[in-house]
N, C-alpha and C. Protein backbone atom coordinates (compact mmCIF):
# COMPACT_ATOMS: atom_id res chain seq x y z
N UNK A 1 6.46 1.99 -14.91
CA UNK A 1 7.27 3.00 -14.28
C UNK A 1 8.48 3.27 -15.15
N UNK A 2 8.80 4.51 -15.33
CA UNK A 2 9.97 4.85 -16.11
C UNK A 2 11.19 4.94 -15.21
N UNK A 3 12.35 4.91 -15.84
CA UNK A 3 13.58 5.00 -15.07
C UNK A 3 13.64 6.28 -14.26
N UNK A 4 13.09 7.37 -14.81
CA UNK A 4 13.12 8.65 -14.10
C UNK A 4 12.28 8.61 -12.82
N UNK A 5 11.24 7.75 -12.77
CA UNK A 5 10.42 7.62 -11.57
C UNK A 5 11.24 7.13 -10.38
N UNK A 6 12.27 6.35 -10.66
CA UNK A 6 13.06 5.80 -9.58
C UNK A 6 14.00 6.83 -8.98
N UNK A 7 14.20 7.96 -9.65
CA UNK A 7 15.17 8.94 -9.20
C UNK A 7 14.51 10.27 -8.84
N UNK A 8 13.27 10.24 -8.42
CA UNK A 8 12.55 11.44 -8.02
C UNK A 8 13.16 11.91 -6.70
N UNK A 9 13.41 13.22 -6.60
CA UNK A 9 13.88 13.73 -5.32
C UNK A 9 12.67 14.31 -4.58
N UNK A 10 12.63 14.03 -3.29
CA UNK A 10 11.52 14.46 -2.46
C UNK A 10 12.02 15.47 -1.44
N UNK A 11 11.23 16.52 -1.18
CA UNK A 11 11.59 17.42 -0.08
C UNK A 11 11.59 16.65 1.24
N UNK A 12 12.34 17.12 2.21
CA UNK A 12 12.42 16.43 3.50
C UNK A 12 11.06 16.30 4.18
N UNK A 13 10.18 17.26 3.94
CA UNK A 13 8.85 17.23 4.58
C UNK A 13 7.84 16.36 3.84
N UNK A 14 8.23 15.83 2.69
CA UNK A 14 7.31 15.02 1.87
C UNK A 14 7.28 13.59 2.42
N UNK A 15 6.58 13.46 3.54
CA UNK A 15 6.53 12.15 4.18
C UNK A 15 5.26 12.01 5.01
N UNK A 16 4.95 10.77 5.32
CA UNK A 16 3.82 10.46 6.19
C UNK A 16 4.35 10.33 7.62
N UNK A 17 3.61 10.91 8.56
CA UNK A 17 3.99 10.77 9.97
C UNK A 17 2.97 9.95 10.75
N UNK A 18 1.83 9.66 10.12
CA UNK A 18 0.81 8.81 10.75
C UNK A 18 -0.01 8.16 9.65
N UNK A 19 -0.32 6.88 9.86
CA UNK A 19 -1.16 6.13 8.92
C UNK A 19 -2.16 5.34 9.75
N UNK A 20 -3.44 5.52 9.42
CA UNK A 20 -4.48 4.74 10.09
C UNK A 20 -5.35 4.07 9.04
N UNK A 21 -5.94 2.97 9.44
CA UNK A 21 -6.86 2.24 8.59
C UNK A 21 -8.24 2.29 9.21
N UNK A 22 -9.24 2.44 8.38
CA UNK A 22 -10.62 2.47 8.84
C UNK A 22 -10.98 1.11 9.40
N UNK A 23 -11.27 1.05 10.68
CA UNK A 23 -11.58 -0.22 11.34
C UNK A 23 -12.81 -0.89 10.71
N UNK A 24 -13.77 -0.10 10.27
CA UNK A 24 -14.97 -0.67 9.66
C UNK A 24 -14.67 -1.31 8.31
N UNK A 25 -13.55 -0.91 7.68
CA UNK A 25 -13.16 -1.47 6.38
C UNK A 25 -12.34 -2.75 6.52
N UNK A 26 -11.89 -3.04 7.73
CA UNK A 26 -11.06 -4.22 7.95
C UNK A 26 -11.92 -5.43 8.28
N UNK A 27 -11.54 -6.56 7.76
CA UNK A 27 -12.21 -7.81 8.10
C UNK A 27 -11.42 -8.51 9.18
N UNK A 28 -11.89 -9.68 9.57
CA UNK A 28 -11.13 -10.50 10.51
C UNK A 28 -10.05 -11.20 9.72
N UNK A 29 -8.83 -10.91 10.08
CA UNK A 29 -7.70 -11.44 9.33
C UNK A 29 -7.01 -12.54 10.11
N UNK A 30 -6.25 -13.32 9.37
CA UNK A 30 -5.40 -14.31 10.01
C UNK A 30 -4.28 -13.57 10.74
N UNK A 31 -3.59 -14.26 11.60
CA UNK A 31 -2.46 -13.65 12.31
C UNK A 31 -1.40 -13.19 11.34
N UNK A 32 -1.18 -13.95 10.24
CA UNK A 32 -0.18 -13.57 9.26
C UNK A 32 -0.53 -12.25 8.59
N UNK A 33 -1.82 -12.09 8.21
CA UNK A 33 -2.26 -10.86 7.54
C UNK A 33 -2.18 -9.68 8.50
N UNK A 34 -2.60 -9.88 9.75
CA UNK A 34 -2.51 -8.81 10.74
C UNK A 34 -1.06 -8.39 10.94
N UNK A 35 -0.18 -9.38 11.01
CA UNK A 35 1.25 -9.10 11.20
C UNK A 35 1.80 -8.30 10.01
N UNK A 36 1.46 -8.72 8.79
CA UNK A 36 1.93 -8.00 7.59
C UNK A 36 1.44 -6.56 7.60
N UNK A 37 0.20 -6.36 8.02
CA UNK A 37 -0.38 -5.01 8.07
C UNK A 37 0.38 -4.16 9.09
N UNK A 38 0.63 -4.71 10.27
CA UNK A 38 1.35 -3.97 11.32
C UNK A 38 2.77 -3.64 10.87
N UNK A 39 3.45 -4.60 10.25
CA UNK A 39 4.81 -4.37 9.76
C UNK A 39 4.82 -3.31 8.66
N UNK A 40 3.83 -3.37 7.76
CA UNK A 40 3.76 -2.40 6.67
C UNK A 40 3.59 -0.98 7.23
N UNK A 41 2.74 -0.79 8.22
CA UNK A 41 2.55 0.53 8.81
C UNK A 41 3.82 0.97 9.52
N UNK A 42 4.43 0.08 10.30
CA UNK A 42 5.67 0.41 11.00
C UNK A 42 6.75 0.83 10.01
N UNK A 43 6.97 -0.01 8.99
CA UNK A 43 8.00 0.28 7.99
C UNK A 43 7.69 1.56 7.22
N UNK A 44 6.42 1.77 6.92
CA UNK A 44 6.01 2.96 6.19
C UNK A 44 6.34 4.22 6.98
N UNK A 45 6.08 4.18 8.28
CA UNK A 45 6.35 5.36 9.11
C UNK A 45 7.84 5.56 9.34
N UNK A 46 8.60 4.47 9.33
CA UNK A 46 10.05 4.57 9.50
C UNK A 46 10.70 5.30 8.33
N UNK A 47 10.27 4.96 7.12
CA UNK A 47 10.87 5.57 5.92
C UNK A 47 9.85 5.57 4.81
N UNK A 48 9.53 6.76 4.33
CA UNK A 48 8.61 6.88 3.21
C UNK A 48 8.85 8.18 2.49
N UNK A 49 8.40 8.23 1.26
CA UNK A 49 8.39 9.44 0.45
C UNK A 49 6.97 9.59 -0.09
N UNK A 50 6.30 10.65 0.30
CA UNK A 50 4.90 10.86 -0.01
C UNK A 50 4.69 12.36 -0.17
N UNK A 51 4.28 12.78 -1.36
CA UNK A 51 4.12 14.20 -1.62
C UNK A 51 2.86 14.44 -2.44
N UNK A 52 2.08 15.41 -2.02
CA UNK A 52 0.89 15.79 -2.78
C UNK A 52 1.30 16.59 -4.00
N UNK A 53 0.62 16.33 -5.11
CA UNK A 53 0.92 17.05 -6.35
C UNK A 53 0.35 18.46 -6.31
N UNK A 54 -0.72 18.67 -5.53
CA UNK A 54 -1.37 19.98 -5.46
C UNK A 54 -0.43 21.02 -4.86
N UNK A 55 -0.38 22.17 -5.48
CA UNK A 55 0.45 23.28 -5.00
C UNK A 55 -0.03 23.75 -3.62
N UNK A 56 0.91 24.17 -2.82
CA UNK A 56 0.57 24.77 -1.54
C UNK A 56 0.37 23.79 -0.41
N UNK A 57 0.50 22.51 -0.66
CA UNK A 57 0.34 21.50 0.39
C UNK A 57 1.71 20.89 0.68
N UNK A 58 2.27 21.30 1.79
CA UNK A 58 3.56 20.77 2.18
C UNK A 58 3.39 19.82 3.36
N UNK A 59 4.20 18.80 3.39
CA UNK A 59 4.15 17.83 4.48
C UNK A 59 4.82 18.36 5.72
N UNK A 60 4.88 17.52 6.70
CA UNK A 60 4.51 16.12 6.68
C UNK A 60 2.98 15.94 6.71
N UNK A 61 2.57 14.71 6.34
CA UNK A 61 1.16 14.40 6.17
C UNK A 61 0.73 13.24 7.08
N UNK A 62 -0.57 13.18 7.31
CA UNK A 62 -1.18 12.01 7.92
C UNK A 62 -2.10 11.40 6.87
N UNK A 63 -2.26 10.09 6.94
CA UNK A 63 -3.06 9.38 5.94
C UNK A 63 -4.02 8.44 6.64
N UNK A 64 -5.28 8.51 6.22
CA UNK A 64 -6.30 7.57 6.70
C UNK A 64 -6.83 6.83 5.47
N UNK A 65 -6.69 5.51 5.46
CA UNK A 65 -7.15 4.69 4.34
C UNK A 65 -8.45 4.00 4.70
N UNK A 66 -9.38 4.00 3.74
CA UNK A 66 -10.65 3.31 3.95
C UNK A 66 -11.20 2.86 2.61
N UNK A 67 -12.29 2.10 2.67
CA UNK A 67 -13.02 1.69 1.48
C UNK A 67 -14.38 2.35 1.50
N UNK A 68 -14.82 2.80 0.33
CA UNK A 68 -16.16 3.37 0.19
C UNK A 68 -16.60 3.18 -1.25
N UNK A 69 -17.74 2.55 -1.44
CA UNK A 69 -18.32 2.39 -2.78
C UNK A 69 -17.33 1.81 -3.79
N UNK A 70 -16.69 0.70 -3.43
CA UNK A 70 -15.74 0.01 -4.31
C UNK A 70 -14.55 0.91 -4.69
N UNK A 71 -14.20 1.79 -3.78
CA UNK A 71 -13.06 2.69 -3.99
C UNK A 71 -12.16 2.67 -2.76
N UNK A 72 -10.87 2.85 -3.04
CA UNK A 72 -9.89 3.05 -1.98
C UNK A 72 -9.81 4.55 -1.73
N UNK A 73 -10.02 4.97 -0.49
CA UNK A 73 -10.05 6.39 -0.15
C UNK A 73 -8.78 6.75 0.63
N UNK A 74 -8.04 7.72 0.10
CA UNK A 74 -6.89 8.31 0.76
C UNK A 74 -7.35 9.64 1.34
N UNK A 75 -7.53 9.73 2.65
CA UNK A 75 -7.86 10.99 3.30
C UNK A 75 -6.56 11.55 3.87
N UNK A 76 -6.08 12.62 3.25
CA UNK A 76 -4.76 13.18 3.58
C UNK A 76 -4.96 14.48 4.34
N UNK A 77 -4.26 14.57 5.48
CA UNK A 77 -4.31 15.78 6.31
C UNK A 77 -2.90 16.25 6.58
N UNK A 78 -2.82 17.49 7.09
CA UNK A 78 -1.49 17.97 7.47
C UNK A 78 -1.15 17.42 8.85
N UNK A 79 0.03 17.78 9.37
CA UNK A 79 0.46 17.23 10.64
C UNK A 79 -0.36 17.72 11.82
N UNK A 80 -1.19 18.73 11.61
CA UNK A 80 -2.09 19.21 12.65
C UNK A 80 -3.49 18.61 12.55
N UNK A 81 -3.70 17.73 11.57
CA UNK A 81 -5.00 17.08 11.41
C UNK A 81 -5.97 17.83 10.51
N UNK A 82 -5.52 18.91 9.89
CA UNK A 82 -6.40 19.67 9.00
C UNK A 82 -6.46 18.95 7.65
N UNK A 83 -7.68 18.57 7.20
CA UNK A 83 -7.82 17.86 5.93
C UNK A 83 -7.29 18.69 4.76
N UNK A 84 -6.51 18.03 3.90
CA UNK A 84 -5.95 18.69 2.72
C UNK A 84 -6.58 18.19 1.43
N UNK A 85 -6.71 16.87 1.33
CA UNK A 85 -7.21 16.30 0.08
C UNK A 85 -7.75 14.91 0.34
N UNK A 86 -8.77 14.56 -0.43
CA UNK A 86 -9.29 13.20 -0.41
C UNK A 86 -9.19 12.66 -1.83
N UNK A 87 -8.55 11.51 -1.95
CA UNK A 87 -8.35 10.88 -3.25
C UNK A 87 -9.07 9.54 -3.23
N UNK A 88 -9.87 9.30 -4.27
CA UNK A 88 -10.59 8.03 -4.36
C UNK A 88 -10.13 7.30 -5.61
N UNK A 89 -9.69 6.06 -5.42
CA UNK A 89 -9.24 5.23 -6.54
C UNK A 89 -10.17 4.02 -6.67
N UNK A 90 -10.61 3.75 -7.88
CA UNK A 90 -11.42 2.57 -8.12
C UNK A 90 -10.59 1.33 -7.80
N UNK A 91 -11.22 0.35 -7.17
CA UNK A 91 -10.55 -0.91 -6.86
C UNK A 91 -10.55 -1.87 -8.06
N UNK A 92 -11.36 -1.58 -9.06
CA UNK A 92 -11.48 -2.49 -10.21
C UNK A 92 -10.14 -2.84 -10.86
N UNK A 93 -9.26 -1.88 -11.12
CA UNK A 93 -7.98 -2.24 -11.76
C UNK A 93 -7.10 -3.15 -10.89
N UNK A 94 -7.37 -3.19 -9.60
CA UNK A 94 -6.56 -3.98 -8.68
C UNK A 94 -7.11 -5.39 -8.44
N UNK A 95 -8.34 -5.66 -8.86
CA UNK A 95 -9.01 -6.91 -8.50
C UNK A 95 -8.22 -8.17 -8.86
N UNK A 96 -7.75 -8.26 -10.10
CA UNK A 96 -7.03 -9.48 -10.51
C UNK A 96 -5.74 -9.64 -9.72
N UNK A 97 -4.98 -8.57 -9.59
CA UNK A 97 -3.70 -8.65 -8.88
C UNK A 97 -3.93 -9.04 -7.42
N UNK A 98 -4.90 -8.40 -6.78
CA UNK A 98 -5.17 -8.69 -5.37
C UNK A 98 -5.66 -10.14 -5.20
N UNK A 99 -6.55 -10.58 -6.08
CA UNK A 99 -7.05 -11.96 -6.00
C UNK A 99 -5.89 -12.95 -6.16
N UNK A 100 -5.05 -12.74 -7.17
CA UNK A 100 -3.89 -13.62 -7.38
C UNK A 100 -2.91 -13.54 -6.21
N UNK A 101 -2.75 -12.34 -5.68
CA UNK A 101 -1.84 -12.15 -4.55
C UNK A 101 -2.33 -12.92 -3.33
N UNK A 102 -3.63 -12.87 -3.06
CA UNK A 102 -4.18 -13.62 -1.92
C UNK A 102 -4.02 -15.13 -2.12
N UNK A 103 -4.25 -15.59 -3.34
CA UNK A 103 -4.09 -17.02 -3.62
C UNK A 103 -2.65 -17.47 -3.39
N UNK A 104 -1.70 -16.69 -3.88
CA UNK A 104 -0.31 -17.09 -3.73
C UNK A 104 0.15 -16.93 -2.27
N UNK A 105 -0.39 -15.96 -1.56
CA UNK A 105 -0.06 -15.82 -0.13
C UNK A 105 -0.57 -17.04 0.65
N UNK A 106 -1.78 -17.49 0.33
CA UNK A 106 -2.30 -18.70 0.98
C UNK A 106 -1.38 -19.89 0.71
N UNK A 107 -0.93 -20.02 -0.53
CA UNK A 107 0.00 -21.10 -0.88
C UNK A 107 1.31 -20.95 -0.12
N UNK A 108 1.79 -19.74 0.00
CA UNK A 108 3.04 -19.47 0.71
C UNK A 108 2.92 -19.86 2.19
N UNK A 109 1.86 -19.41 2.85
CA UNK A 109 1.69 -19.72 4.27
C UNK A 109 1.51 -21.21 4.51
N UNK A 110 0.86 -21.90 3.57
CA UNK A 110 0.73 -23.36 3.69
C UNK A 110 2.09 -24.03 3.45
N UNK A 111 2.84 -23.54 2.49
CA UNK A 111 4.13 -24.14 2.14
C UNK A 111 5.16 -24.02 3.26
N UNK A 112 5.17 -22.89 3.96
CA UNK A 112 6.20 -22.72 4.99
C UNK A 112 6.05 -23.71 6.14
N UNK A 113 4.89 -24.35 6.22
CA UNK A 113 4.68 -25.35 7.28
C UNK A 113 5.21 -26.72 6.90
N UNK A 114 5.22 -27.03 5.59
CA UNK A 114 5.55 -28.42 5.22
C UNK A 114 6.49 -28.59 4.04
N UNK A 115 6.68 -27.56 3.23
CA UNK A 115 7.42 -27.72 1.98
C UNK A 115 8.91 -27.43 2.15
N UNK A 116 9.73 -27.98 1.25
CA UNK A 116 11.17 -27.70 1.30
C UNK A 116 11.45 -26.24 0.91
N UNK A 117 12.63 -25.77 1.29
CA UNK A 117 13.01 -24.37 1.06
C UNK A 117 12.91 -23.98 -0.41
N UNK A 118 13.26 -24.87 -1.32
CA UNK A 118 13.23 -24.53 -2.74
C UNK A 118 11.80 -24.22 -3.21
N UNK A 119 10.83 -24.96 -2.71
CA UNK A 119 9.42 -24.73 -3.06
C UNK A 119 8.94 -23.41 -2.47
N UNK A 120 9.33 -23.14 -1.22
CA UNK A 120 8.94 -21.90 -0.55
C UNK A 120 9.53 -20.70 -1.29
N UNK A 121 10.80 -20.80 -1.70
CA UNK A 121 11.45 -19.71 -2.42
C UNK A 121 10.77 -19.44 -3.76
N UNK A 122 10.37 -20.49 -4.45
CA UNK A 122 9.69 -20.32 -5.74
C UNK A 122 8.36 -19.61 -5.57
N UNK A 123 7.60 -20.01 -4.56
CA UNK A 123 6.31 -19.37 -4.29
C UNK A 123 6.53 -17.92 -3.88
N UNK A 124 7.56 -17.69 -3.06
CA UNK A 124 7.84 -16.34 -2.59
C UNK A 124 8.24 -15.42 -3.74
N UNK A 125 8.95 -15.94 -4.72
CA UNK A 125 9.31 -15.13 -5.89
C UNK A 125 8.05 -14.69 -6.63
N UNK A 126 7.11 -15.61 -6.78
CA UNK A 126 5.84 -15.26 -7.43
C UNK A 126 5.06 -14.24 -6.62
N UNK A 127 5.08 -14.41 -5.31
CA UNK A 127 4.38 -13.49 -4.42
C UNK A 127 4.99 -12.09 -4.53
N UNK A 128 6.31 -12.01 -4.55
CA UNK A 128 6.98 -10.71 -4.67
C UNK A 128 6.70 -10.07 -6.03
N UNK A 129 6.65 -10.88 -7.06
CA UNK A 129 6.35 -10.36 -8.39
C UNK A 129 4.97 -9.73 -8.46
N UNK A 130 3.97 -10.40 -7.90
CA UNK A 130 2.62 -9.83 -7.87
C UNK A 130 2.57 -8.57 -7.01
N UNK A 131 3.29 -8.60 -5.90
CA UNK A 131 3.33 -7.43 -5.03
C UNK A 131 3.94 -6.23 -5.76
N UNK A 132 5.02 -6.49 -6.51
CA UNK A 132 5.63 -5.42 -7.31
C UNK A 132 4.65 -4.89 -8.37
N UNK A 133 3.96 -5.81 -9.03
CA UNK A 133 2.99 -5.41 -10.05
C UNK A 133 1.91 -4.51 -9.44
N UNK A 134 1.39 -4.91 -8.29
CA UNK A 134 0.37 -4.10 -7.61
C UNK A 134 0.91 -2.75 -7.17
N UNK A 135 2.16 -2.72 -6.72
CA UNK A 135 2.79 -1.48 -6.26
C UNK A 135 2.97 -0.50 -7.42
N UNK A 136 3.41 -1.01 -8.56
CA UNK A 136 3.57 -0.16 -9.74
C UNK A 136 2.22 0.35 -10.24
N UNK A 137 1.19 -0.49 -10.19
CA UNK A 137 -0.15 -0.05 -10.58
C UNK A 137 -0.64 1.05 -9.64
N UNK A 138 -0.39 0.90 -8.35
CA UNK A 138 -0.79 1.92 -7.40
C UNK A 138 -0.08 3.25 -7.69
N UNK A 139 1.22 3.19 -7.97
CA UNK A 139 1.96 4.41 -8.32
C UNK A 139 1.35 5.07 -9.56
N UNK A 140 1.02 4.25 -10.53
CA UNK A 140 0.43 4.76 -11.77
C UNK A 140 -0.93 5.42 -11.51
N UNK A 141 -1.76 4.78 -10.69
CA UNK A 141 -3.10 5.31 -10.40
C UNK A 141 -3.05 6.59 -9.57
N UNK A 142 -1.97 6.74 -8.77
CA UNK A 142 -1.81 7.94 -7.95
C UNK A 142 -1.14 9.09 -8.71
N UNK A 143 -0.54 8.77 -9.86
CA UNK A 143 0.21 9.78 -10.62
C UNK A 143 -0.66 11.02 -10.87
N UNK A 144 -0.05 12.17 -10.65
CA UNK A 144 -0.76 13.44 -10.83
C UNK A 144 -1.50 13.89 -9.58
N UNK A 145 -1.61 12.99 -8.60
CA UNK A 145 -2.29 13.33 -7.34
C UNK A 145 -1.31 13.27 -6.17
N UNK A 146 -0.59 12.14 -6.10
CA UNK A 146 0.38 11.90 -5.04
C UNK A 146 1.60 11.26 -5.68
N UNK A 147 2.77 11.69 -5.25
CA UNK A 147 4.00 11.07 -5.72
C UNK A 147 4.59 10.26 -4.58
N UNK A 148 4.90 9.00 -4.87
CA UNK A 148 5.53 8.11 -3.89
C UNK A 148 6.69 7.39 -4.57
N UNK A 149 7.61 6.88 -3.77
CA UNK A 149 8.66 6.03 -4.32
C UNK A 149 8.17 4.58 -4.28
N UNK A 150 8.93 3.67 -4.85
CA UNK A 150 8.49 2.27 -4.95
C UNK A 150 8.38 1.62 -3.57
N UNK A 151 9.28 1.93 -2.65
CA UNK A 151 9.21 1.32 -1.31
C UNK A 151 7.92 1.75 -0.60
N UNK A 152 7.56 3.02 -0.74
CA UNK A 152 6.32 3.51 -0.14
C UNK A 152 5.12 2.88 -0.83
N UNK A 153 5.15 2.76 -2.15
CA UNK A 153 4.05 2.13 -2.90
C UNK A 153 3.88 0.68 -2.48
N UNK A 154 4.98 -0.03 -2.24
CA UNK A 154 4.89 -1.43 -1.81
C UNK A 154 4.14 -1.55 -0.48
N UNK A 155 4.47 -0.69 0.44
CA UNK A 155 3.82 -0.76 1.76
C UNK A 155 2.36 -0.32 1.67
N UNK A 156 2.08 0.68 0.82
CA UNK A 156 0.69 1.08 0.62
C UNK A 156 -0.12 -0.02 -0.06
N UNK A 157 0.51 -0.75 -0.98
CA UNK A 157 -0.19 -1.87 -1.61
C UNK A 157 -0.52 -2.95 -0.58
N UNK A 158 0.38 -3.20 0.36
CA UNK A 158 0.08 -4.16 1.43
C UNK A 158 -1.15 -3.71 2.21
N UNK A 159 -1.25 -2.42 2.49
CA UNK A 159 -2.40 -1.90 3.23
C UNK A 159 -3.67 -1.93 2.38
N UNK A 160 -3.55 -1.67 1.08
CA UNK A 160 -4.69 -1.81 0.17
C UNK A 160 -5.21 -3.25 0.26
N UNK A 161 -4.30 -4.21 0.24
CA UNK A 161 -4.70 -5.62 0.34
C UNK A 161 -5.39 -5.91 1.66
N UNK A 162 -4.89 -5.32 2.75
CA UNK A 162 -5.50 -5.52 4.06
C UNK A 162 -6.94 -5.03 4.08
N UNK A 163 -7.18 -3.90 3.43
CA UNK A 163 -8.53 -3.37 3.36
C UNK A 163 -9.38 -4.15 2.35
N UNK A 164 -8.77 -4.53 1.26
CA UNK A 164 -9.47 -5.22 0.17
C UNK A 164 -9.92 -6.61 0.62
N UNK A 165 -9.22 -7.19 1.60
CA UNK A 165 -9.54 -8.54 2.08
C UNK A 165 -11.01 -8.64 2.43
N UNK A 166 -11.53 -7.63 3.12
CA UNK A 166 -12.95 -7.62 3.48
C UNK A 166 -13.79 -7.20 2.29
N UNK A 167 -13.26 -6.18 1.53
CA UNK A 167 -14.02 -5.64 0.41
C UNK A 167 -14.13 -6.62 -0.70
């Protein structure tokens, strides 16, 4: 991400007003994973910057995320539910990051039960680093199709992980 990416200005309508996940794409998650998914959707709807690159498509938008054929599918509609664009991203570039992220999350959840604060903080720093890496990769893969800020990318990466858990 370049420095200019951090200072993109978004129109007021360039936002998501609804986000849903394909139930068939979700696996049975632990309570922690379900909680993270719910918080990510709540936070995403509270504040986000999301704009389609295609001319003539103004927000606000609704987003339905699913998995199909080893791809992450962004089904984007207008606020009336009229489909505007479907974007499919290969999951292959995300595999290593997601796998490492799941491993470190497992370590984090185990550590918070028994480990001292210093150990938990160290694991959490690693977890945040991987999350940032995945978020920047998602921004890069969406470039030219959808523009998002880093906070929105972080929450979308959490949802990608929620779907990828089963995939």
